[in-house]
Amino acid sequence: MFLFGHKLCKDEVNQMLLKHGTLLPLDQKGLTLAQFEEAMIPKFAALEEDDEIRSTFKAFDKNCRGFLKLEDVKSAFQQVCPHFPEHNIELAFKEIDRDGDGRISYKDFDFMMKFNNLM
């Protein structure tokens, strides 16, 4: 079985199916459509979320540096929400910039988008 360009062994397939509660009975040779959908829909939803986060990061990163500076974030907010208080943008930036280097890496941005509701 190929999954997103990676050939899975039987154990990997069974682990993936077991995780989603769709382990095949020993006498069953394939998946029903419902079982397949149950196993795959969460994976595709996660991919769509990751694509959306990546696209948003790229939109903020106008200089294609691979990281965001405070000016990048302020500029993005100015375009989409011009009346958002600059002080709040600065506070959010400091919160997201976990290592305090004045930059938001993609990893920091991804974490914020998935696990925080700062912005």
PDB file of N, CA and C in Angstrom:
ATOM      1  N   MET A   1       0.846  -1.175   0.000  1.00  0.00           N
ATOM      2  CA  MET A   1       0.000   0.000   0.000  1.00  0.00           C
ATOM      3  C   MET A   1       0.890   1.236   0.000  1.00  0.00           C
ATOM      4  N   PHE A   2       0.551   2.207  -0.838  1.00  0.00           N
ATOM      5  CA  PHE A   2       1.262   3.482  -0.875  1.00  0.00           C
ATOM      6  C   PHE A   2       0.417   4.529  -0.169  1.00  0.00           C
ATOM      7  N   LEU A   3       1.039   5.324   0.654  1.00  0.00           N
ATOM      8  CA  LEU A   3       0.345   6.401   1.354  1.00  0.00           C
ATOM      9  C   LEU A   3       1.187   7.658   1.225  1.00  0.00           C
ATOM     10  N   PHE A   4       0.691   8.613   0.459  1.00  0.00           N
ATOM     11  CA  PHE A   4       1.384   9.884   0.260  1.00  0.00           C
ATOM     12  C   PHE A   4       2.814   9.670  -0.229  1.00  0.00           C
ATOM     13  N   GLY A   5       2.983   8.729  -1.192  1.00  0.00           N
ATOM     14  CA  GLY A   5       4.285   8.494  -1.797  1.00  0.00           C
ATOM     15  C   GLY A   5       5.192   7.570  -1.010  1.00  0.00           C
ATOM     16  N   HIS A   6       4.723   6.988   0.059  1.00  0.00           N
ATOM     17  CA  HIS A   6       5.529   6.104   0.902  1.00  0.00           C
ATOM     18  C   HIS A   6       4.894   4.728   0.917  1.00  0.00           C
ATOM     19  N   LYS A   7       5.677   3.692   0.573  1.00  0.00           N
ATOM     20  CA  LYS A   7       5.148   2.335   0.594  1.00  0.00           C
ATOM     21  C   LYS A   7       5.168   1.816   2.034  1.00  0.00           C
ATOM     22  N   LEU A   8       3.991   1.446   2.515  1.00  0.00           N
ATOM     23  CA  LEU A   8       3.859   0.956   3.884  1.00  0.00           C
ATOM     24  C   LEU A   8       3.938  -0.561   3.913  1.00  0.00           C
ATOM     25  N   CYS A   9       4.560  -1.112   4.958  1.00  0.00           N
ATOM     26  CA  CYS A   9       4.544  -2.555   5.147  1.00  0.00           C
ATOM     27  C   CYS A   9       3.230  -2.933   5.844  1.00  0.00           C
ATOM     28  N   LYS A  10       2.937  -4.235   5.891  1.00  0.00           N
ATOM     29  CA  LYS A  10       1.678  -4.696   6.492  1.00  0.00           C
ATOM     30  C   LYS A  10       1.534  -4.227   7.937  1.00  0.00           C
ATOM     31  N   ASP A  11       2.626  -4.273   8.705  1.00  0.00           N
ATOM     32  CA  ASP A  11       2.556  -3.845  10.106  1.00  0.00           C
ATOM     33  C   ASP A  11       2.199  -2.365  10.219  1.00  0.00           C
ATOM     34  N   GLU A  12       2.775  -1.522   9.342  1.00  0.00           N
ATOM     35  CA  GLU A  12       2.456  -0.093   9.373  1.00  0.00           C
ATOM     36  C   GLU A  12       0.995   0.152   9.026  1.00  0.00           C
ATOM     37  N   VAL A  13       0.492  -0.597   8.035  1.00  0.00           N
ATOM     38  CA  VAL A  13      -0.917  -0.460   7.648  1.00  0.00           C
ATOM     39  C   VAL A  13      -1.808  -0.872   8.811  1.00  0.00           C
ATOM     40  N   ASN A  14      -1.502  -2.015   9.431  1.00  0.00           N
ATOM     41  CA  ASN A  14      -2.313  -2.476  10.562  1.00  0.00           C
ATOM     42  C   ASN A  14      -2.247  -1.506  11.741  1.00  0.00           C
ATOM     43  N   GLN A  15      -1.069  -0.926  12.006  1.00  0.00           N
ATOM     44  CA  GLN A  15      -0.962   0.049  13.091  1.00  0.00           C
ATOM     45  C   GLN A  15      -1.806   1.285  12.796  1.00  0.00           C
ATOM     46  N   MET A  16      -1.768   1.731  11.536  1.00  0.00           N
ATOM     47  CA  MET A  16      -2.560   2.895  11.155  1.00  0.00           C
ATOM     48  C   MET A  16      -4.052   2.590  11.296  1.00  0.00           C
ATOM     49  N   LEU A  17      -4.462   1.420  10.846  1.00  0.00           N
ATOM     50  CA  LEU A  17      -5.871   1.051  10.927  1.00  0.00           C
ATOM     51  C   LEU A  17      -6.302   0.828  12.373  1.00  0.00           C
ATOM     52  N   LEU A  18      -5.440   0.215  13.169  1.00  0.00           N
ATOM     53  CA  LEU A  18      -5.753  -0.015  14.583  1.00  0.00           C
ATOM     54  C   LEU A  18      -5.943   1.314  15.312  1.00  0.00           C
ATOM     55  N   LYS A  19      -5.103   2.289  14.973  1.00  0.00           N
ATOM     56  CA  LYS A  19      -5.207   3.615  15.586  1.00  0.00           C
ATOM     57  C   LYS A  19      -6.576   4.225  15.332  1.00  0.00           C
ATOM     58  N   HIS A  20      -7.154   3.923  14.186  1.00  0.00           N
ATOM     59  CA  HIS A  20      -8.458   4.477  13.825  1.00  0.00           C
ATOM     60  C   HIS A  20      -9.597   3.495  14.070  1.00  0.00           C
ATOM     61  N   GLY A  21      -9.290   2.389  14.755  1.00  0.00           N
ATOM     62  CA  GLY A  21     -10.336   1.436  15.098  1.00  0.00           C
ATOM     63  C   GLY A  21     -10.890   0.674  13.911  1.00  0.00           C
ATOM     64  N   THR A  22     -10.074   0.501  12.884  1.00  0.00           N
ATOM     65  CA  THR A  22     -10.568  -0.187  11.693  1.00  0.00           C
ATOM     66  C   THR A  22      -9.680  -1.371  11.323  1.00  0.00           C
ATOM     67  N   LEU A  23      -9.096  -2.028  12.304  1.00  0.00           N
ATOM     68  CA  LEU A  23      -8.265  -3.189  12.022  1.00  0.00           C
ATOM     69  C   LEU A  23      -9.105  -4.247  11.324  1.00  0.00           C
ATOM     70  N   LEU A  24      -8.543  -4.820  10.268  1.00  0.00           N
ATOM     71  CA  LEU A  24      -9.293  -5.805   9.485  1.00  0.00           C
ATOM     72  C   LEU A  24      -9.427  -7.120  10.235  1.00  0.00           C
ATOM     73  N   PRO A  25     -10.618  -7.722  10.209  1.00  0.00           N
ATOM     74  CA  PRO A  25     -10.753  -9.077  10.734  1.00  0.00           C
ATOM     75  C   PRO A  25      -9.891 -10.019   9.893  1.00  0.00           C
ATOM     76  N   LEU A  26      -9.439 -11.109  10.473  1.00  0.00           N
ATOM     77  CA  LEU A  26      -8.548 -12.024   9.761  1.00  0.00           C
ATOM     78  C   LEU A  26      -9.147 -12.559   8.469  1.00  0.00           C
ATOM     79  N   ASP A  27     -10.475 -12.705   8.408  1.00  0.00           N
ATOM     80  CA  ASP A  27     -11.104 -13.261   7.211  1.00  0.00           C
ATOM     81  C   ASP A  27     -11.450 -12.189   6.166  1.00  0.00           C
ATOM     82  N   GLN A  28     -11.163 -10.949   6.435  1.00  0.00           N
ATOM     83  CA  GLN A  28     -11.491  -9.874   5.493  1.00  0.00           C
ATOM     84  C   GLN A  28     -10.242  -9.498   4.705  1.00  0.00           C
ATOM     85  N   LYS A  29     -10.378  -9.424   3.384  1.00  0.00           N
ATOM     86  CA  LYS A  29      -9.219  -9.177   2.531  1.00  0.00           C
ATOM     87  C   LYS A  29      -9.053  -7.715   2.127  1.00  0.00           C
ATOM     88  N   GLY A  30      -9.967  -6.863   2.477  1.00  0.00           N
ATOM     89  CA  GLY A  30      -9.862  -5.464   2.088  1.00  0.00           C
ATOM     90  C   GLY A  30     -10.688  -4.582   2.995  1.00  0.00           C
ATOM     91  N   LEU A  31     -10.684  -3.308   2.678  1.00  0.00           N
ATOM     92  CA  LEU A  31     -11.450  -2.331   3.443  1.00  0.00           C
ATOM     93  C   LEU A  31     -12.757  -2.014   2.741  1.00  0.00           C
ATOM     94  N   THR A  32     -13.767  -1.771   3.525  1.00  0.00           N
ATOM     95  CA  THR A  32     -14.991  -1.221   2.949  1.00  0.00           C
ATOM     96  C   THR A  32     -14.740   0.265   2.712  1.00  0.00           C
ATOM     97  N   LEU A  33     -15.583   0.894   1.916  1.00  0.00           N
ATOM     98  CA  LEU A  33     -15.445   2.324   1.675  1.00  0.00           C
ATOM     99  C   LEU A  33     -15.550   3.100   2.989  1.00  0.00           C
ATOM    100  N   ALA A  34     -16.481   2.702   3.838  1.00  0.00           N
ATOM    101  CA  ALA A  34     -16.661   3.390   5.122  1.00  0.00           C
ATOM    102  C   ALA A  34     -15.402   3.273   5.988  1.00  0.00           C
ATOM    103  N   GLN A  35     -14.776   2.095   6.009  1.00  0.00           N
ATOM    104  CA  GLN A  35     -13.553   1.911   6.792  1.00  0.00           C
ATOM    105  C   GLN A  35     -12.413   2.764   6.230  1.00  0.00           C
ATOM    106  N   PHE A  36     -12.313   2.784   4.906  1.00  0.00           N
ATOM    107  CA  PHE A  36     -11.275   3.586   4.262  1.00  0.00           C
ATOM    108  C   PHE A  36     -11.465   5.068   4.586  1.00  0.00           C
ATOM    109  N   GLU A  37     -12.699   5.545   4.450  1.00  0.00           N
ATOM    110  CA  GLU A  37     -12.981   6.954   4.745  1.00  0.00           C
ATOM    111  C   GLU A  37     -12.680   7.286   6.198  1.00  0.00           C
ATOM    112  N   GLU A  38     -13.059   6.387   7.096  1.00  0.00           N
ATOM    113  CA  GLU A  38     -12.823   6.614   8.524  1.00  0.00           C
ATOM    114  C   GLU A  38     -11.331   6.744   8.821  1.00  0.00           C
ATOM    115  N   ALA A  39     -10.516   5.955   8.134  1.00  0.00           N
ATOM    116  CA  ALA A  39      -9.074   5.992   8.363  1.00  0.00           C
ATOM    117  C   ALA A  39      -8.404   7.176   7.671  1.00  0.00           C
ATOM    118  N   MET A  40      -8.905   7.575   6.505  1.00  0.00           N
ATOM    119  CA  MET A  40      -8.204   8.565   5.692  1.00  0.00           C
ATOM    120  C   MET A  40      -8.663  10.008   5.881  1.00  0.00           C
ATOM    121  N   ILE A  41      -9.908  10.241   6.200  1.00  0.00           N
ATOM    122  CA  ILE A  41     -10.408  11.615   6.306  1.00  0.00           C
ATOM    123  C   ILE A  41      -9.603  12.438   7.316  1.00  0.00           C
ATOM    124  N   PRO A  42      -9.285  11.910   8.501  1.00  0.00           N
ATOM    125  CA  PRO A  42      -8.465  12.723   9.422  1.00  0.00           C
ATOM    126  C   PRO A  42      -7.088  13.070   8.846  1.00  0.00           C
ATOM    127  N   LYS A  43      -6.504  12.146   8.080  1.00  0.00           N
ATOM    128  CA  LYS A  43      -5.192  12.410   7.481  1.00  0.00           C
ATOM    129  C   LYS A  43      -5.276  13.537   6.465  1.00  0.00           C
ATOM    130  N   PHE A  44      -6.304  13.505   5.609  1.00  0.00           N
ATOM    131  CA  PHE A  44      -6.455  14.555   4.604  1.00  0.00           C
ATOM    132  C   PHE A  44      -6.798  15.895   5.255  1.00  0.00           C
ATOM    133  N   ALA A  45      -7.578  15.871   6.309  1.00  0.00           N
ATOM    134  CA  ALA A  45      -7.913  17.117   7.009  1.00  0.00           C
ATOM    135  C   ALA A  45      -6.646  17.746   7.587  1.00  0.00           C
ATOM    136  N   ALA A  46      -5.771  16.914   8.144  1.00  0.00           N
ATOM    137  CA  ALA A  46      -4.510  17.422   8.698  1.00  0.00           C
ATOM    138  C   ALA A  46      -3.631  18.003   7.593  1.00  0.00           C
ATOM    139  N   LEU A  47      -3.603  17.349   6.427  1.00  0.00           N
ATOM    140  CA  LEU A  47      -2.825  17.874   5.303  1.00  0.00           C
ATOM    141  C   LEU A  47      -3.361  19.221   4.841  1.00  0.00           C
ATOM    142  N   GLU A  48      -4.677  19.343   4.765  1.00  0.00           N
ATOM    143  CA  GLU A  48      -5.281  20.613   4.355  1.00  0.00           C
ATOM    144  C   GLU A  48      -4.941  21.717   5.353  1.00  0.00           C
ATOM    145  N   GLU A  49      -4.991  21.395   6.639  1.00  0.00           N
ATOM    146  CA  GLU A  49      -4.645  22.388   7.659  1.00  0.00           C
ATOM    147  C   GLU A  49      -3.188  22.812   7.514  1.00  0.00           C
ATOM    148  N   ASP A  50      -2.289  21.842   7.297  1.00  0.00           N
ATOM    149  CA  ASP A  50      -0.875  22.161   7.129  1.00  0.00           C
ATOM    150  C   ASP A  50      -0.641  23.030   5.897  1.00  0.00           C
ATOM    151  N   ASP A  51      -1.336  22.724   4.798  1.00  0.00           N
ATOM    152  CA  ASP A  51      -1.212  23.536   3.580  1.00  0.00           C
ATOM    153  C   ASP A  51      -1.681  24.963   3.821  1.00  0.00           C
ATOM    154  N   GLU A  52      -2.771  25.107   4.549  1.00  0.00           N
ATOM    155  CA  GLU A  52      -3.303  26.440   4.840  1.00  0.00           C
ATOM    156  C   GLU A  52      -2.337  27.235   5.726  1.00  0.00           C
ATOM    157  N   ILE A  53      -1.761  26.575   6.713  1.00  0.00           N
ATOM    158  CA  ILE A  53      -0.799  27.239   7.593  1.00  0.00           C
ATOM    159  C   ILE A  53       0.436  27.651   6.796  1.00  0.00           C
ATOM    160  N   ARG A  54       0.934  26.758   5.942  1.00  0.00           N
ATOM    161  CA  ARG A  54       2.117  27.070   5.118  1.00  0.00           C
ATOM    162  C   ARG A  54       1.827  28.266   4.206  1.00  0.00           C
ATOM    163  N   SER A  55       0.661  28.280   3.579  1.00  0.00           N
ATOM    164  CA  SER A  55       0.290  29.393   2.691  1.00  0.00           C
ATOM    165  C   SER A  55       0.197  30.710   3.456  1.00  0.00           C
ATOM    166  N   THR A  56      -0.355  30.660   4.652  1.00  0.00           N
ATOM    167  CA  THR A  56      -0.467  31.868   5.474  1.00  0.00           C
ATOM    168  C   THR A  56       0.917  32.380   5.863  1.00  0.00           C
ATOM    169  N   PHE A  57       1.802  31.462   6.254  1.00  0.00           N
ATOM    170  CA  PHE A  57       3.167  31.857   6.608  1.00  0.00           C
ATOM    171  C   PHE A  57       3.853  32.523   5.421  1.00  0.00           C
ATOM    172  N   LYS A  58       3.707  31.923   4.241  1.00  0.00           N
ATOM    173  CA  LYS A  58       4.327  32.494   3.039  1.00  0.00           C
ATOM    174  C   LYS A  58       3.763  33.875   2.723  1.00  0.00           C
ATOM    175  N   ALA A  59       2.480  34.075   2.959  1.00  0.00           N
ATOM    176  CA  ALA A  59       1.874  35.386   2.718  1.00  0.00           C
ATOM    177  C   ALA A  59       2.458  36.434   3.672  1.00  0.00           C
ATOM    178  N   PHE A  60       2.739  36.053   4.902  1.00  0.00           N
ATOM    179  CA  PHE A  60       3.351  36.967   5.868  1.00  0.00           C
ATOM    180  C   PHE A  60       4.824  37.220   5.518  1.00  0.00           C
ATOM    181  N   ASP A  61       5.501  36.195   5.000  1.00  0.00           N
ATOM    182  CA  ASP A  61       6.939  36.248   4.708  1.00  0.00           C
ATOM    183  C   ASP A  61       7.173  36.799   3.299  1.00  0.00           C
ATOM    184  N   LYS A  62       6.879  38.064   3.110  1.00  0.00           N
ATOM    185  CA  LYS A  62       6.965  38.695   1.786  1.00  0.00           C
ATOM    186  C   LYS A  62       8.392  38.717   1.236  1.00  0.00           C
ATOM    187  N   ASN A  63       9.395  38.698   2.103  1.00  0.00           N
ATOM    188  CA  ASN A  63      10.794  38.732   1.661  1.00  0.00           C
ATOM    189  C   ASN A  63      11.394  37.342   1.477  1.00  0.00           C
ATOM    190  N   CYS A  64      10.587  36.310   1.657  1.00  0.00           N
ATOM    191  CA  CYS A  64      11.016  34.907   1.465  1.00  0.00           C
ATOM    192  C   CYS A  64      12.281  34.574   2.267  1.00  0.00           C
ATOM    193  N   ARG A  65      12.295  34.978   3.527  1.00  0.00           N
ATOM    194  CA  ARG A  65      13.449  34.723   4.390  1.00  0.00           C
ATOM    195  C   ARG A  65      13.337  33.402   5.140  1.00  0.00           C
ATOM    196  N   GLY A  66      12.127  32.861   5.209  1.00  0.00           N
ATOM    197  CA  GLY A  66      11.933  31.633   5.966  1.00  0.00           C
ATOM    198  C   GLY A  66      11.624  31.885   7.431  1.00  0.00           C
ATOM    199  N   PHE A  67      11.495  33.138   7.804  1.00  0.00           N
ATOM    200  CA  PHE A  67      11.107  33.521   9.160  1.00  0.00           C
ATOM    201  C   PHE A  67      10.382  34.854   9.072  1.00  0.00           C
ATOM    202  N   LEU A  68       9.684  35.190  10.139  1.00  0.00           N
ATOM    203  CA  LEU A  68       8.947  36.450  10.185  1.00  0.00           C
ATOM    204  C   LEU A  68       9.582  37.376  11.211  1.00  0.00           C
ATOM    205  N   LYS A  69       9.668  38.642  10.847  1.00  0.00           N
ATOM    206  CA  LYS A  69      10.093  39.675  11.789  1.00  0.00           C
ATOM    207  C   LYS A  69       8.846  40.459  12.178  1.00  0.00           C
ATOM    208  N   LEU A  70       8.972  41.255  13.210  1.00  0.00           N
ATOM    209  CA  LEU A  70       7.837  42.032  13.692  1.00  0.00           C
ATOM    210  C   LEU A  70       7.242  42.890  12.575  1.00  0.00           C
ATOM    211  N   GLU A  71       8.091  43.474  11.733  1.00  0.00           N
ATOM    212  CA  GLU A  71       7.585  44.309  10.632  1.00  0.00           C
ATOM    213  C   GLU A  71       6.691  43.513   9.681  1.00  0.00           C
ATOM    214  N   ASP A  72       7.053  42.241   9.432  1.00  0.00           N
ATOM    215  CA  ASP A  72       6.251  41.387   8.548  1.00  0.00           C
ATOM    216  C   ASP A  72       4.849  41.192   9.111  1.00  0.00           C
ATOM    217  N   VAL A  73       4.792  40.919  10.403  1.00  0.00           N
ATOM    218  CA  VAL A  73       3.507  40.662  11.048  1.00  0.00           C
ATOM    219  C   VAL A  73       2.673  41.945  11.088  1.00  0.00           C
ATOM    220  N   LYS A  74       3.322  43.064  11.420  1.00  0.00           N
ATOM    221  CA  LYS A  74       2.599  44.340  11.426  1.00  0.00           C
ATOM    222  C   LYS A  74       2.056  44.669  10.038  1.00  0.00           C
ATOM    223  N   SER A  75       2.851  44.440   9.016  1.00  0.00           N
ATOM    224  CA  SER A  75       2.430  44.715   7.639  1.00  0.00           C
ATOM    225  C   SER A  75       1.226  43.862   7.251  1.00  0.00           C
ATOM    226  N   ALA A  76       1.265  42.585   7.617  1.00  0.00           N
ATOM    227  CA  ALA A  76       0.144  41.691   7.302  1.00  0.00           C
ATOM    228  C   ALA A  76      -1.128  42.150   8.009  1.00  0.00           C
ATOM    229  N   PHE A  77      -1.000  42.510   9.270  1.00  0.00           N
ATOM    230  CA  PHE A  77      -2.171  42.990  10.006  1.00  0.00           C
ATOM    231  C   PHE A  77      -2.690  44.304   9.437  1.00  0.00           C
ATOM    232  N   GLN A  78      -1.783  45.163   9.003  1.00  0.00           N
ATOM    233  CA  GLN A  78      -2.190  46.441   8.417  1.00  0.00           C
ATOM    234  C   GLN A  78      -3.065  46.209   7.178  1.00  0.00           C
ATOM    235  N   GLN A  79      -2.755  45.170   6.422  1.00  0.00           N
ATOM    236  CA  GLN A  79      -3.516  44.867   5.208  1.00  0.00           C
ATOM    237  C   GLN A  79      -4.885  44.274   5.507  1.00  0.00           C
ATOM    238  N   VAL A  80      -4.948  43.373   6.473  1.00  0.00           N
ATOM    239  CA  VAL A  80      -6.209  42.656   6.703  1.00  0.00           C
ATOM    240  C   VAL A  80      -7.038  43.216   7.851  1.00  0.00           C
ATOM    241  N   CYS A  81      -6.392  43.892   8.773  1.00  0.00           N
ATOM    242  CA  CYS A  81      -7.106  44.418   9.942  1.00  0.00           C
ATOM    243  C   CYS A  81      -6.419  45.709  10.400  1.00  0.00           C
ATOM    244  N   PRO A  82      -6.564  46.776   9.613  1.00  0.00           N
ATOM    245  CA  PRO A  82      -5.787  47.995   9.859  1.00  0.00           C
ATOM    246  C   PRO A  82      -6.023  48.658  11.216  1.00  0.00           C
ATOM    247  N   HIS A  83      -7.126  48.384  11.857  1.00  0.00           N
ATOM    248  CA  HIS A  83      -7.415  49.036  13.140  1.00  0.00           C
ATOM    249  C   HIS A  83      -7.021  48.184  14.347  1.00  0.00           C
ATOM    250  N   PHE A  84      -6.391  47.041  14.088  1.00  0.00           N
ATOM    251  CA  PHE A  84      -5.940  46.182  15.183  1.00  0.00           C
ATOM    252  C   PHE A  84      -4.812  46.908  15.918  1.00  0.00           C
ATOM    253  N   PRO A  85      -4.893  47.012  17.238  1.00  0.00           N
ATOM    254  CA  PRO A  85      -3.887  47.777  17.993  1.00  0.00           C
ATOM    255  C   PRO A  85      -2.467  47.219  17.821  1.00  0.00           C
ATOM    256  N   GLU A  86      -1.552  48.093  17.475  1.00  0.00           N
ATOM    257  CA  GLU A  86      -0.157  47.706  17.262  1.00  0.00           C
ATOM    258  C   GLU A  86       0.442  47.080  18.519  1.00  0.00           C
ATOM    259  N   HIS A  87       0.056  47.576  19.668  1.00  0.00           N
ATOM    260  CA  HIS A  87       0.549  47.033  20.939  1.00  0.00           C
ATOM    261  C   HIS A  87       0.181  45.547  21.068  1.00  0.00           C
ATOM    262  N   ASN A  88      -1.019  45.181  20.653  1.00  0.00           N
ATOM    263  CA  ASN A  88      -1.445  43.778  20.720  1.00  0.00           C
ATOM    264  C   ASN A  88      -0.634  42.906  19.760  1.00  0.00           C
ATOM    265  N   ILE A  89      -0.307  43.455  18.602  1.00  0.00           N
ATOM    266  CA  ILE A  89       0.528  42.716  17.646  1.00  0.00           C
ATOM    267  C   ILE A  89       1.900  42.454  18.268  1.00  0.00           C
ATOM    268  N   GLU A  90       2.460  43.469  18.898  1.00  0.00           N
ATOM    269  CA  GLU A  90       3.774  43.328  19.537  1.00  0.00           C
ATOM    270  C   GLU A  90       3.746  42.302  20.667  1.00  0.00           C
ATOM    271  N   LEU A  91       2.698  42.330  21.471  1.00  0.00           N
ATOM    272  CA  LEU A  91       2.565  41.343  22.557  1.00  0.00           C
ATOM    273  C   LEU A  91       2.453  39.924  22.003  1.00  0.00           C
ATOM    274  N   ALA A  92       1.628  39.762  20.973  1.00  0.00           N
ATOM    275  CA  ALA A  92       1.463  38.441  20.363  1.00  0.00           C
ATOM    276  C   ALA A  92       2.782  37.968  19.761  1.00  0.00           C
ATOM    277  N   PHE A  93       3.495  38.869  19.094  1.00  0.00           N
ATOM    278  CA  PHE A  93       4.782  38.512  18.491  1.00  0.00           C
ATOM    279  C   PHE A  93       5.747  37.994  19.552  1.00  0.00           C
ATOM    280  N   LYS A  94       5.847  38.706  20.668  1.00  0.00           N
ATOM    281  CA  LYS A  94       6.747  38.281  21.747  1.00  0.00           C
ATOM    282  C   LYS A  94       6.346  36.919  22.301  1.00  0.00           C
ATOM    283  N   GLU A  95       5.050  36.672  22.376  1.00  0.00           N
ATOM    284  CA  GLU A  95       4.559  35.384  22.885  1.00  0.00           C
ATOM    285  C   GLU A  95       4.909  34.245  21.925  1.00  0.00           C
ATOM    286  N   ILE A  96       4.778  34.500  20.639  1.00  0.00           N
ATOM    287  CA  ILE A  96       5.038  33.462  19.630  1.00  0.00           C
ATOM    288  C   ILE A  96       6.531  33.228  19.458  1.00  0.00           C
ATOM    289  N   ASP A  97       7.331  34.276  19.563  1.00  0.00           N
ATOM    290  CA  ASP A  97       8.789  34.193  19.428  1.00  0.00           C
ATOM    291  C   ASP A  97       9.353  33.581  20.710  1.00  0.00           C
ATOM    292  N   ARG A  98       9.203  32.276  20.833  1.00  0.00           N
ATOM    293  CA  ARG A  98       9.510  31.590  22.083  1.00  0.00           C
ATOM    294  C   ARG A  98      10.976  31.667  22.495  1.00  0.00           C
ATOM    295  N   ASP A  99      11.895  31.754  21.520  1.00  0.00           N
ATOM    296  CA  ASP A  99      13.308  31.822  21.897  1.00  0.00           C
ATOM    297  C   ASP A  99      13.828  33.260  22.001  1.00  0.00           C
ATOM    298  N   GLY A 100      12.956  34.239  21.724  1.00  0.00           N
ATOM    299  CA  GLY A 100      13.306  35.639  21.913  1.00  0.00           C
ATOM    300  C   GLY A 100      14.342  36.193  20.952  1.00  0.00           C
ATOM    301  N   ASP A 101      14.500  35.578  19.774  1.00  0.00           N
ATOM    302  CA  ASP A 101      15.511  36.052  18.824  1.00  0.00           C
ATOM    303  C   ASP A 101      14.998  37.125  17.860  1.00  0.00           C
ATOM    304  N   GLY A 102      13.759  37.581  18.064  1.00  0.00           N
ATOM    305  CA  GLY A 102      13.204  38.612  17.194  1.00  0.00           C
ATOM    306  C   GLY A 102      12.678  38.078  15.879  1.00  0.00           C
ATOM    307  N   ARG A 103      12.565  36.770  15.798  1.00  0.00           N
ATOM    308  CA  ARG A 103      12.076  36.111  14.589  1.00  0.00           C
ATOM    309  C   ARG A 103      11.052  35.050  14.968  1.00  0.00           C
ATOM    310  N   ILE A 104      10.091  34.861  14.093  1.00  0.00           N
ATOM    311  CA  ILE A 104       9.155  33.749  14.251  1.00  0.00           C
ATOM    312  C   ILE A 104       9.485  32.755  13.149  1.00  0.00           C
ATOM    313  N   SER A 105       9.957  31.594  13.549  1.00  0.00           N
ATOM    314  CA  SER A 105      10.264  30.539  12.583  1.00  0.00           C
ATOM    315  C   SER A 105       8.959  29.893  12.124  1.00  0.00           C
ATOM    316  N   TYR A 106       9.050  29.109  11.056  1.00  0.00           N
ATOM    317  CA  TYR A 106       7.854  28.397  10.614  1.00  0.00           C
ATOM    318  C   TYR A 106       7.375  27.464  11.722  1.00  0.00           C
ATOM    319  N   LYS A 107       8.308  26.847  12.427  1.00  0.00           N
ATOM    320  CA  LYS A 107       7.941  25.933  13.517  1.00  0.00           C
ATOM    321  C   LYS A 107       7.131  26.664  14.590  1.00  0.00           C
ATOM    322  N   ASP A 108       7.577  27.864  14.972  1.00  0.00           N
ATOM    323  CA  ASP A 108       6.836  28.664  15.955  1.00  0.00           C
ATOM    324  C   ASP A 108       5.461  29.054  15.419  1.00  0.00           C
ATOM    325  N   PHE A 109       5.424  29.460  14.151  1.00  0.00           N
ATOM    326  CA  PHE A 109       4.172  29.879  13.524  1.00  0.00           C
ATOM    327  C   PHE A 109       3.187  28.707  13.466  1.00  0.00           C
ATOM    328  N   ASP A 110       3.681  27.550  13.056  1.00  0.00           N
ATOM    329  CA  ASP A 110       2.854  26.345  12.969  1.00  0.00           C
ATOM    330  C   ASP A 110       2.295  25.988  14.345  1.00  0.00           C
ATOM    331  N   PHE A 111       3.140  26.038  15.366  1.00  0.00           N
ATOM    332  CA  PHE A 111       2.706  25.738  16.728  1.00  0.00           C
ATOM    333  C   PHE A 111       1.606  26.699  17.162  1.00  0.00           C
ATOM    334  N   MET A 112       1.820  27.987  16.894  1.00  0.00           N
ATOM    335  CA  MET A 112       0.831  28.996  17.278  1.00  0.00           C
ATOM    336  C   MET A 112      -0.496  28.756  16.570  1.00  0.00           C
ATOM    337  N   MET A 113      -0.447  28.459  15.289  1.00  0.00           N
ATOM    338  CA  MET A 113      -1.674  28.270  14.514  1.00  0.00           C
ATOM    339  C   MET A 113      -2.445  27.026  14.961  1.00  0.00           C
ATOM    340  N   LYS A 114      -1.731  26.011  15.399  1.00  0.00           N
ATOM    341  CA  LYS A 114      -2.390  24.758  15.783  1.00  0.00           C
ATOM    342  C   LYS A 114      -2.810  24.720  17.248  1.00  0.00           C
ATOM    343  N   PHE A 115      -2.044  25.350  18.124  1.00  0.00           N
ATOM    344  CA  PHE A 115      -2.268  25.141  19.549  1.00  0.00           C
ATOM    345  C   PHE A 115      -2.581  26.386  20.360  1.00  0.00           C
ATOM    346  N   ASN A 116      -2.418  27.565  19.797  1.00  0.00           N
ATOM    347  CA  ASN A 116      -2.690  28.804  20.531  1.00  0.00           C
ATOM    348  C   ASN A 116      -3.745  29.610  19.805  1.00  0.00           C
ATOM    349  N   ASN A 117      -4.415  30.449  20.529  1.00  0.00           N
ATOM    350  CA  ASN A 117      -5.385  31.368  19.935  1.00  0.00           C
ATOM    351  C   ASN A 117      -4.963  32.799  20.228  1.00  0.00           C
ATOM    352  N   LEU A 118      -3.727  33.115  19.880  1.00  0.00           N
ATOM    353  CA  LEU A 118      -3.197  34.440  20.192  1.00  0.00           C
ATOM    354  C   LEU A 118      -3.654  35.494  19.204  1.00  0.00           C
ATOM    355  N   MET A 119      -3.776  35.116  17.950  1.00  0.00           N
ATOM    356  CA  MET A 119      -4.068  36.117  16.918  1.00  0.00           C
ATOM    357  C   MET A 119      -5.479  36.000  16.456  1.00  0.00           C
TER     358      MET A 119
END
